[in-house]
Amino acid sequence: MPYPRAFYYMLGVIGIILIGFWPSYFAVAPASPWQFHAHGIAASLWVLMVTAQCWTAHRKAQLPLHRTVGMASLFLFPFLIAG
């Protein structure tokens, strides 16, 4: 695999997302409109799916799960665009 540490980089990306969106979304989430929540949930799921794919790609026994997560991302795509 060309990026053996991609999973760790994705964990860093998640940390940066949490820090970056804390003041504008996470800290005021109860007062946010539903559209913000729809976008936040879709985008967060997408980042978690990419992280899961990075992790499963390097474990040969996890390749079926890797493929399943990839196919599930096709279902998530319209929600991500709509958000």
C-alpha atoms as a PDB file:
ATOM      1  CA  MET A   1       0.000   0.000   0.000  1.00  0.00           C
ATOM      2  CA  PRO A   2       1.385   3.379  -0.911  1.00  0.00           C
ATOM      3  CA  TYR A   3       0.310   5.218   2.285  1.00  0.00           C
ATOM      4  CA  PRO A   4       0.843   2.956   5.292  1.00  0.00           C
ATOM      5  CA  ARG A   5       0.320   5.788   7.812  1.00  0.00           C
ATOM      6  CA  ALA A   6      -2.792   7.292   6.211  1.00  0.00           C
ATOM      7  CA  PHE A   7      -4.956   6.166   9.132  1.00  0.00           C
ATOM      8  CA  TYR A   8      -2.886   8.271  11.537  1.00  0.00           C
ATOM      9  CA  TYR A   9      -3.062  11.276   9.242  1.00  0.00           C
ATOM     10  CA  MET A  10      -6.837  10.902   9.123  1.00  0.00           C
ATOM     11  CA  LEU A  11      -6.972  10.909  12.923  1.00  0.00           C
ATOM     12  CA  GLY A  12      -5.048  14.188  12.769  1.00  0.00           C
ATOM     13  CA  VAL A  13      -7.531  15.536  10.226  1.00  0.00           C
ATOM     14  CA  ILE A  14     -10.411  14.640  12.563  1.00  0.00           C
ATOM     15  CA  GLY A  15      -8.667  16.526  15.365  1.00  0.00           C
ATOM     16  CA  ILE A  16      -8.184  19.568  13.156  1.00  0.00           C
ATOM     17  CA  ILE A  17     -11.856  19.431  12.105  1.00  0.00           C
ATOM     18  CA  LEU A  18     -12.963  19.333  15.741  1.00  0.00           C
ATOM     19  CA  ILE A  19     -10.751  22.275  16.652  1.00  0.00           C
ATOM     20  CA  GLY A  20     -11.659  24.270  13.550  1.00  0.00           C
ATOM     21  CA  PHE A  21     -15.420  23.788  13.778  1.00  0.00           C
ATOM     22  CA  TRP A  22     -15.711  23.960  17.555  1.00  0.00           C
ATOM     23  CA  PRO A  23     -16.550  27.677  17.846  1.00  0.00           C
ATOM     24  CA  SER A  24     -18.830  27.888  14.818  1.00  0.00           C
ATOM     25  CA  TYR A  25     -20.698  24.572  15.089  1.00  0.00           C
ATOM     26  CA  PHE A  26     -19.975  22.186  17.941  1.00  0.00           C
ATOM     27  CA  ALA A  27     -20.134  24.804  20.719  1.00  0.00           C
ATOM     28  CA  VAL A  28     -23.452  26.198  19.418  1.00  0.00           C
ATOM     29  CA  ALA A  29     -24.960  22.974  18.034  1.00  0.00           C
ATOM     30  CA  PRO A  30     -28.224  23.130  20.027  1.00  0.00           C
ATOM     31  CA  ALA A  31     -29.014  26.538  18.517  1.00  0.00           C
ATOM     32  CA  SER A  32     -28.061  25.580  14.954  1.00  0.00           C
ATOM     33  CA  PRO A  33     -30.702  25.050  12.258  1.00  0.00           C
ATOM     34  CA  TRP A  34     -31.380  21.534  10.992  1.00  0.00           C
ATOM     35  CA  GLN A  35     -29.586  22.251   7.710  1.00  0.00           C
ATOM     36  CA  PHE A  36     -26.310  22.714   9.593  1.00  0.00           C
ATOM     37  CA  HIS A  37     -26.880  19.407  11.372  1.00  0.00           C
ATOM     38  CA  ALA A  38     -27.642  17.607   8.101  1.00  0.00           C
ATOM     39  CA  HIS A  39     -24.446  18.942   6.544  1.00  0.00           C
ATOM     40  CA  GLY A  40     -22.397  18.257   9.680  1.00  0.00           C
ATOM     41  CA  ILE A  41     -23.622  14.682   9.970  1.00  0.00           C
ATOM     42  CA  ALA A  42     -23.068  13.901   6.280  1.00  0.00           C
ATOM     43  CA  ALA A  43     -19.594  15.455   6.243  1.00  0.00           C
ATOM     44  CA  SER A  44     -18.598  13.772   9.510  1.00  0.00           C
ATOM     45  CA  LEU A  45     -19.767  10.388   8.247  1.00  0.00           C
ATOM     46  CA  TRP A  46     -17.776  10.882   5.071  1.00  0.00           C
ATOM     47  CA  VAL A  47     -14.575  11.678   7.009  1.00  0.00           C
ATOM     48  CA  LEU A  48     -15.154   8.654   9.266  1.00  0.00           C
ATOM     49  CA  MET A  49     -15.690   6.460   6.203  1.00  0.00           C
ATOM     50  CA  VAL A  50     -12.429   7.638   4.653  1.00  0.00           C
ATOM     51  CA  THR A  51     -10.691   6.928   7.968  1.00  0.00           C
ATOM     52  CA  ALA A  52     -12.228   3.451   8.111  1.00  0.00           C
ATOM     53  CA  GLN A  53     -11.125   2.742   4.557  1.00  0.00           C
ATOM     54  CA  CYS A  54      -7.564   3.817   5.373  1.00  0.00           C
ATOM     55  CA  TRP A  55      -7.528   1.479   8.357  1.00  0.00           C
ATOM     56  CA  THR A  56      -9.111  -1.521   6.646  1.00  0.00           C
ATOM     57  CA  ALA A  57      -7.043  -1.264   3.463  1.00  0.00           C
ATOM     58  CA  HIS A  58      -3.878  -2.223   5.342  1.00  0.00           C
ATOM     59  CA  ARG A  59      -5.400  -5.267   7.014  1.00  0.00           C
ATOM     60  CA  LYS A  60      -5.859  -7.939   4.379  1.00  0.00           C
ATOM     61  CA  ALA A  61      -8.592  -9.711   6.350  1.00  0.00           C
ATOM     62  CA  GLN A  62     -10.571  -6.456   6.404  1.00  0.00           C
ATOM     63  CA  LEU A  63     -10.757  -5.982   2.618  1.00  0.00           C
ATOM     64  CA  PRO A  64     -14.450  -6.987   2.391  1.00  0.00           C
ATOM     65  CA  LEU A  65     -15.263  -4.329   5.003  1.00  0.00           C
ATOM     66  CA  HIS A  66     -13.109  -1.862   3.063  1.00  0.00           C
ATOM     67  CA  ARG A  67     -15.157  -2.513  -0.075  1.00  0.00           C
ATOM     68  CA  THR A  68     -18.465  -2.313   1.819  1.00  0.00           C
ATOM     69  CA  VAL A  69     -17.567   1.079   3.286  1.00  0.00           C
ATOM     70  CA  GLY A  70     -16.602   2.261  -0.192  1.00  0.00           C
ATOM     71  CA  MET A  71     -19.952   1.173  -1.610  1.00  0.00           C
ATOM     72  CA  ALA A  72     -21.795   2.811   1.297  1.00  0.00           C
ATOM     73  CA  SER A  73     -20.081   6.089   0.458  1.00  0.00           C
ATOM     74  CA  LEU A  74     -21.977   6.062  -2.837  1.00  0.00           C
ATOM     75  CA  PHE A  75     -25.218   6.148  -0.828  1.00  0.00           C
ATOM     76  CA  LEU A  76     -23.886   9.026   1.305  1.00  0.00           C
ATOM     77  CA  PHE A  77     -22.744  11.109  -1.662  1.00  0.00           C
ATOM     78  CA  PRO A  78     -26.145  12.697  -2.530  1.00  0.00           C
ATOM     79  CA  PHE A  79     -26.620  13.719   1.120  1.00  0.00           C
ATOM     80  CA  LEU A  80     -23.169  15.262   1.180  1.00  0.00           C
ATOM     81  CA  ILE A  81     -23.885  17.275  -1.950  1.00  0.00           C
ATOM     82  CA  ALA A  82     -27.340  18.321  -0.740  1.00  0.00           C
ATOM     83  CA  GLY A  83     -25.908  19.491   2.566  1.00  0.00           C
END
